Amino acid sequence: MKILLTNDDGVHAPGLAALRKRISEIAETVVVAPDREQSAVSHSLTLHHPLRVVKVSENVFSVDGTPTDCVNLGVHSLLSFKPDLVISGVNRGANLADDVTYSGTVAAALEATLMGIPAFAISLATAGDGEHYDAAALFAARLARTVVEKGLPPDTFLNVNVPDLAHDTLQPPLITSQGKRRYEGTIVDKVDPRGRSYYWIGTADLNLQDLPGTDYHAVSRGHISVTPLHFDLTNYASLEAVKGWQMR
């Protein structure tokens, strides 16, 4: 197997190091990752300035861009082969429920899928720095073999969330649906020492809904959550209702 690894925590992140160690045991790997943290950049491309690439070490490249940039550069320029699989992670912090729309980690897997390359994103569900990246990386290696062997349905990639638990205490993986959250954002409004206003976007509480069968429900009970996602955002249930509108 030939596998491209990326993330949104930066090329030196511990989750990426753990992932590279385990995936290198089963496949030829190349890392193309941002040179700094790029969390919550979603599916953004850098279009207004050139990208710079630094070779950190053998088969490890640092890019001053987004995770989506990294997948593009890797596949179209830096790699000498088309990868059999793209893995994005291991992210520090969960990517659950509606937060997948913000995630640079998930967006990298989406970008690979748009290119026709099987992909999955994997995150460690931790509120702090995270302890058990290797447990998540071990599962990523198992899942990589399965995905390459069996393939994925068309237009589908996987979003994986692993509780921050030791490998032998993790509950079995569950196939889940994307959960829901009640978003209550906060804006921190302050004044700097020079009298200029500044604003910091934050969130008061995750407010994830504990719905059976969802990603959050599984992870909160110690299970690994595997959620099939796709990039068609059409709300088919609403098509007929909207067609009935008078818009002329």
Protein backbone atom coordinates (compact mmCIF):
# COMPACT_ATOMS: atom_id res chain seq x y z
CA MET A 1 0.00 0.00 0.00
CA LYS A 2 0.98 3.61 -0.60
CA ILE A 3 -0.62 6.07 1.81
CA LEU A 4 -0.59 9.86 2.07
CA LEU A 5 -0.85 11.25 5.60
CA THR A 6 -1.90 14.77 6.54
CA ASN A 7 -3.58 16.65 9.40
CA ASP A 8 -4.67 20.08 10.58
CA ASP A 9 -2.64 20.24 13.81
CA GLY A 10 0.64 20.80 12.01
CA VAL A 11 3.48 18.65 10.73
CA HIS A 12 5.06 18.26 14.18
CA ALA A 13 1.87 17.25 16.02
CA PRO A 14 2.06 14.14 18.25
CA GLY A 15 -1.03 12.60 16.67
CA LEU A 16 0.56 12.68 13.23
CA ALA A 17 3.80 11.19 14.60
CA ALA A 18 1.87 8.30 16.17
CA LEU A 19 -0.07 7.76 12.96
CA ARG A 20 3.05 7.76 10.79
CA LYS A 21 4.75 5.24 13.07
CA ARG A 22 1.89 2.74 12.84
CA ILE A 23 1.01 3.24 9.16
CA SER A 24 4.68 2.91 8.16
CA GLU A 25 4.53 -0.64 9.52
CA ILE A 26 1.98 -1.63 6.87
CA ALA A 27 2.54 0.74 3.94
CA GLU A 28 4.82 3.15 2.16
CA THR A 29 3.92 6.54 3.62
CA VAL A 30 4.44 10.17 2.70
CA VAL A 31 3.47 13.03 5.02
CA VAL A 32 2.30 16.34 3.57
CA ALA A 33 1.01 18.52 6.40
CA PRO A 34 0.61 22.19 7.34
CA ASP A 35 3.56 23.97 8.90
CA ARG A 36 1.32 25.18 11.76
CA GLU A 37 -2.05 24.47 13.30
CA GLN A 38 -4.90 24.91 10.81
CA SER A 39 -7.87 23.85 12.94
CA ALA A 40 -11.35 24.97 11.83
CA VAL A 41 -10.20 26.08 8.36
CA SER A 42 -12.73 23.68 6.84
CA HIS A 43 -12.41 22.96 3.10
CA SER A 44 -10.43 26.06 2.18
CA LEU A 45 -7.84 26.43 -0.57
CA THR A 46 -5.08 29.04 -0.66
CA LEU A 47 -5.62 31.05 -3.85
CA HIS A 48 -4.18 34.51 -3.14
CA HIS A 49 -0.52 33.74 -2.52
CA PRO A 50 1.93 31.01 -3.56
CA LEU A 51 2.50 28.04 -1.31
CA ARG A 52 5.92 27.17 0.09
CA VAL A 53 7.02 23.59 0.78
CA VAL A 54 9.85 22.53 3.10
CA LYS A 55 11.21 18.99 3.16
CA VAL A 56 11.40 18.25 6.89
CA SER A 57 12.88 14.79 6.48
CA GLU A 58 12.66 11.85 4.11
CA ASN A 59 9.04 11.64 2.86
CA VAL A 60 7.87 14.39 5.22
CA PHE A 61 6.86 17.75 3.74
CA SER A 62 5.68 20.92 5.48
CA VAL A 63 3.34 23.31 3.63
CA ASP A 64 2.39 26.88 4.58
CA GLY A 65 -1.22 26.21 3.72
CA THR A 66 -4.37 24.37 4.69
CA PRO A 67 -4.99 20.61 4.91
CA THR A 68 -6.85 20.83 1.60
CA ASP A 69 -3.80 22.51 0.06
CA CYS A 70 -1.64 19.68 1.41
CA VAL A 71 -3.72 16.96 -0.24
CA ASN A 72 -3.71 18.87 -3.53
CA LEU A 73 0.03 19.44 -3.50
CA GLY A 74 0.75 15.91 -2.38
CA VAL A 75 -1.32 14.20 -5.05
CA HIS A 76 -0.59 16.56 -7.93
CA SER A 77 3.03 17.52 -7.30
CA LEU A 78 5.01 16.08 -4.41
CA LEU A 79 4.20 12.38 -4.63
CA SER A 80 5.65 10.15 -7.34
CA PHE A 81 2.57 7.90 -7.11
CA LYS A 82 -1.18 8.13 -6.68
CA PRO A 83 -1.91 7.00 -3.12
CA ASP A 84 -4.13 4.03 -2.43
CA LEU A 85 -5.47 5.88 0.60
CA VAL A 86 -5.35 9.26 2.33
CA ILE A 87 -5.52 9.41 6.13
CA SER A 88 -6.00 12.71 7.94
CA GLY A 89 -5.11 12.83 11.66
CA VAL A 90 -4.75 11.82 14.36
CA ASN A 91 -6.45 15.08 15.31
CA ARG A 92 -6.17 16.50 18.83
CA GLY A 93 -9.82 16.71 19.86
CA ALA A 94 -12.97 15.11 18.57
CA ASN A 95 -14.68 15.95 15.28
CA LEU A 96 -18.26 15.06 16.15
CA ALA A 97 -21.72 16.06 15.01
CA ASP A 98 -22.04 19.39 13.16
CA ASP A 99 -18.41 20.28 13.91
CA VAL A 100 -17.35 18.21 10.90
CA THR A 101 -18.33 21.21 8.75
CA TYR A 102 -15.57 23.30 10.36
CA SER A 103 -12.89 20.64 10.56
CA GLY A 104 -9.72 20.89 8.51
CA THR A 105 -9.04 17.26 9.39
CA VAL A 106 -12.32 16.11 7.86
CA ALA A 107 -11.90 18.48 4.89
CA ALA A 108 -8.60 16.82 3.92
CA ALA A 109 -10.37 13.46 3.64
CA LEU A 110 -13.15 15.12 1.66
CA GLU A 111 -10.62 16.60 -0.77
CA ALA A 112 -9.08 13.18 -1.39
CA THR A 113 -12.55 11.76 -2.03
CA LEU A 114 -13.21 14.47 -4.61
CA MET A 115 -10.06 13.23 -6.37
CA GLY A 116 -11.34 9.65 -6.37
CA ILE A 117 -8.97 8.48 -3.62
CA PRO A 118 -10.34 6.51 -0.63
CA ALA A 119 -9.88 8.46 2.59
CA PHE A 120 -10.72 8.74 6.24
CA ALA A 121 -10.25 11.30 9.00
CA ILE A 122 -9.40 10.16 12.50
CA SER A 123 -9.53 12.14 15.74
CA LEU A 124 -8.74 11.53 19.40
CA ALA A 125 -11.71 12.62 21.52
CA THR A 126 -9.85 14.53 24.20
CA ALA A 127 -10.41 17.88 25.86
CA GLY A 128 -6.70 18.32 26.65
CA ASP A 129 -3.41 17.48 24.97
CA GLY A 130 -4.34 13.82 24.57
CA GLU A 131 -2.60 10.73 25.89
CA HIS A 132 -3.52 7.71 23.79
CA TYR A 133 -2.66 8.70 20.22
CA ASP A 134 -1.07 5.31 19.67
CA ALA A 135 -4.38 3.55 20.38
CA ALA A 136 -6.03 5.66 17.69
CA ALA A 137 -3.11 5.03 15.31
CA LEU A 138 -3.38 1.27 15.86
CA PHE A 139 -7.03 1.37 14.88
CA ALA A 140 -6.17 3.55 11.86
CA ALA A 141 -3.76 0.85 10.64
CA ARG A 142 -6.44 -1.83 10.95
CA LEU A 143 -8.99 0.35 9.20
CA ALA A 144 -6.53 1.24 6.43
CA ARG A 145 -6.11 -2.43 5.51
CA THR A 146 -9.89 -2.91 5.45
CA VAL A 147 -10.60 0.17 3.34
CA VAL A 148 -7.94 -0.68 0.76
CA GLU A 149 -9.10 -4.30 0.61
CA LYS A 150 -12.86 -3.71 0.47
CA GLY A 151 -13.05 -0.19 -0.95
CA LEU A 152 -15.59 2.46 -0.03
CA PRO A 153 -19.00 3.17 -1.58
CA PRO A 154 -18.96 5.93 -4.23
CA ASP A 155 -18.63 9.50 -2.93
CA THR A 156 -18.04 8.23 0.61
CA PHE A 157 -15.31 8.85 3.15
CA LEU A 158 -15.11 7.99 6.84
CA ASN A 159 -14.97 10.16 9.94
CA VAL A 160 -13.48 8.24 12.85
CA ASN A 161 -13.46 9.37 16.49
CA VAL A 162 -11.54 7.41 19.12
CA PRO A 163 -11.99 7.95 22.88
CA ASP A 164 -8.80 8.96 24.69
CA LEU A 165 -8.43 5.55 26.33
CA ALA A 166 -5.79 2.84 26.41
CA HIS A 167 -6.04 0.35 23.56
CA ASP A 168 -7.16 -2.54 25.77
CA THR A 169 -9.96 -0.51 27.38
CA LEU A 170 -11.57 0.77 24.18
CA GLN A 171 -15.00 -0.59 23.39
CA PRO A 172 -15.58 -2.17 19.94
CA PRO A 173 -16.03 0.16 16.96
CA LEU A 174 -19.57 1.14 16.00
CA ILE A 175 -20.87 2.41 12.66
CA THR A 176 -22.65 5.63 13.54
CA SER A 177 -24.50 8.57 12.05
CA GLN A 178 -23.40 12.18 12.33
CA GLY A 179 -24.77 13.63 15.55
CA LYS A 180 -26.35 16.97 16.39
CA ARG A 181 -25.41 19.83 18.62
CA ARG A 182 -27.15 22.95 19.84
CA TYR A 183 -24.62 25.62 18.97
CA GLU A 184 -24.29 28.47 21.42
CA GLY A 185 -21.43 30.61 20.23
CA THR A 186 -19.84 33.40 22.22
CA ILE A 187 -17.93 36.46 21.12
CA VAL A 188 -15.27 37.76 23.49
CA ASP A 189 -15.27 41.53 23.03
CA LYS A 190 -12.18 43.26 24.47
CA VAL A 191 -10.05 46.37 24.04
CA ASP A 192 -6.30 46.11 23.50
CA PRO A 193 -3.73 48.33 25.31
CA ARG A 194 -3.89 50.84 22.45
CA GLY A 195 -7.62 51.28 22.78
CA ARG A 196 -8.61 49.23 19.74
CA SER A 197 -11.45 46.74 19.93
CA TYR A 198 -10.83 43.11 19.15
CA TYR A 199 -13.09 40.07 19.03
CA TRP A 200 -12.44 36.39 19.74
CA ILE A 201 -14.85 33.78 18.46
CA GLY A 202 -15.45 31.00 20.97
CA THR A 203 -18.09 28.60 22.18
CA ALA A 204 -19.76 28.43 25.57
CA ASP A 205 -20.48 24.70 25.56
CA LEU A 206 -20.39 21.84 23.05
CA ASN A 207 -24.04 20.97 23.76
CA LEU A 208 -23.80 17.67 21.89
CA GLN A 209 -27.08 15.76 21.86
CA ASP A 210 -26.86 12.25 23.26
CA LEU A 211 -28.85 10.54 20.50
CA PRO A 212 -28.63 6.72 20.14
CA GLY A 213 -26.75 5.62 17.04
CA THR A 214 -24.78 8.86 16.68
CA ASP A 215 -21.05 9.51 16.86
CA TYR A 216 -21.24 11.30 20.21
CA HIS A 217 -23.40 8.59 21.78
CA ALA A 218 -20.80 5.97 20.84
CA VAL A 219 -17.68 7.90 21.87
CA SER A 220 -19.14 9.01 25.20
CA ARG A 221 -19.54 5.33 26.08
CA GLY A 222 -15.99 4.36 25.17
CA HIS A 223 -16.66 3.07 21.64
CA ILE A 224 -14.73 3.99 18.52
CA SER A 225 -17.14 5.79 16.18
CA VAL A 226 -16.92 5.26 12.40
CA THR A 227 -19.25 7.54 10.44
CA PRO A 228 -19.65 7.30 6.64
CA LEU A 229 -19.91 10.82 5.18
CA HIS A 230 -20.45 12.14 1.67
CA PHE A 231 -20.17 15.53 0.00
CA ASP A 232 -23.61 15.83 -1.61
CA LEU A 233 -25.29 18.43 0.62
CA THR A 234 -28.60 18.32 -1.22
CA ASN A 235 -31.57 17.99 1.13
CA TYR A 236 -33.57 15.56 -0.98
CA ALA A 237 -36.45 15.51 1.49
CA SER A 238 -36.98 19.22 0.80
CA LEU A 239 -36.78 19.16 -3.00
CA GLU A 240 -40.51 18.83 -3.62
CA ALA A 241 -41.40 21.47 -1.04
CA VAL A 242 -39.03 24.02 -2.57
CA LYS A 243 -40.17 23.18 -6.10
CA GLY A 244 -43.62 24.32 -5.05
CA TRP A 245 -42.45 27.85 -4.31
CA GLN A 246 -43.58 30.68 -6.58
CA MET A 247 -40.30 32.42 -7.42
CA ARG A 248 -41.34 34.45 -10.47
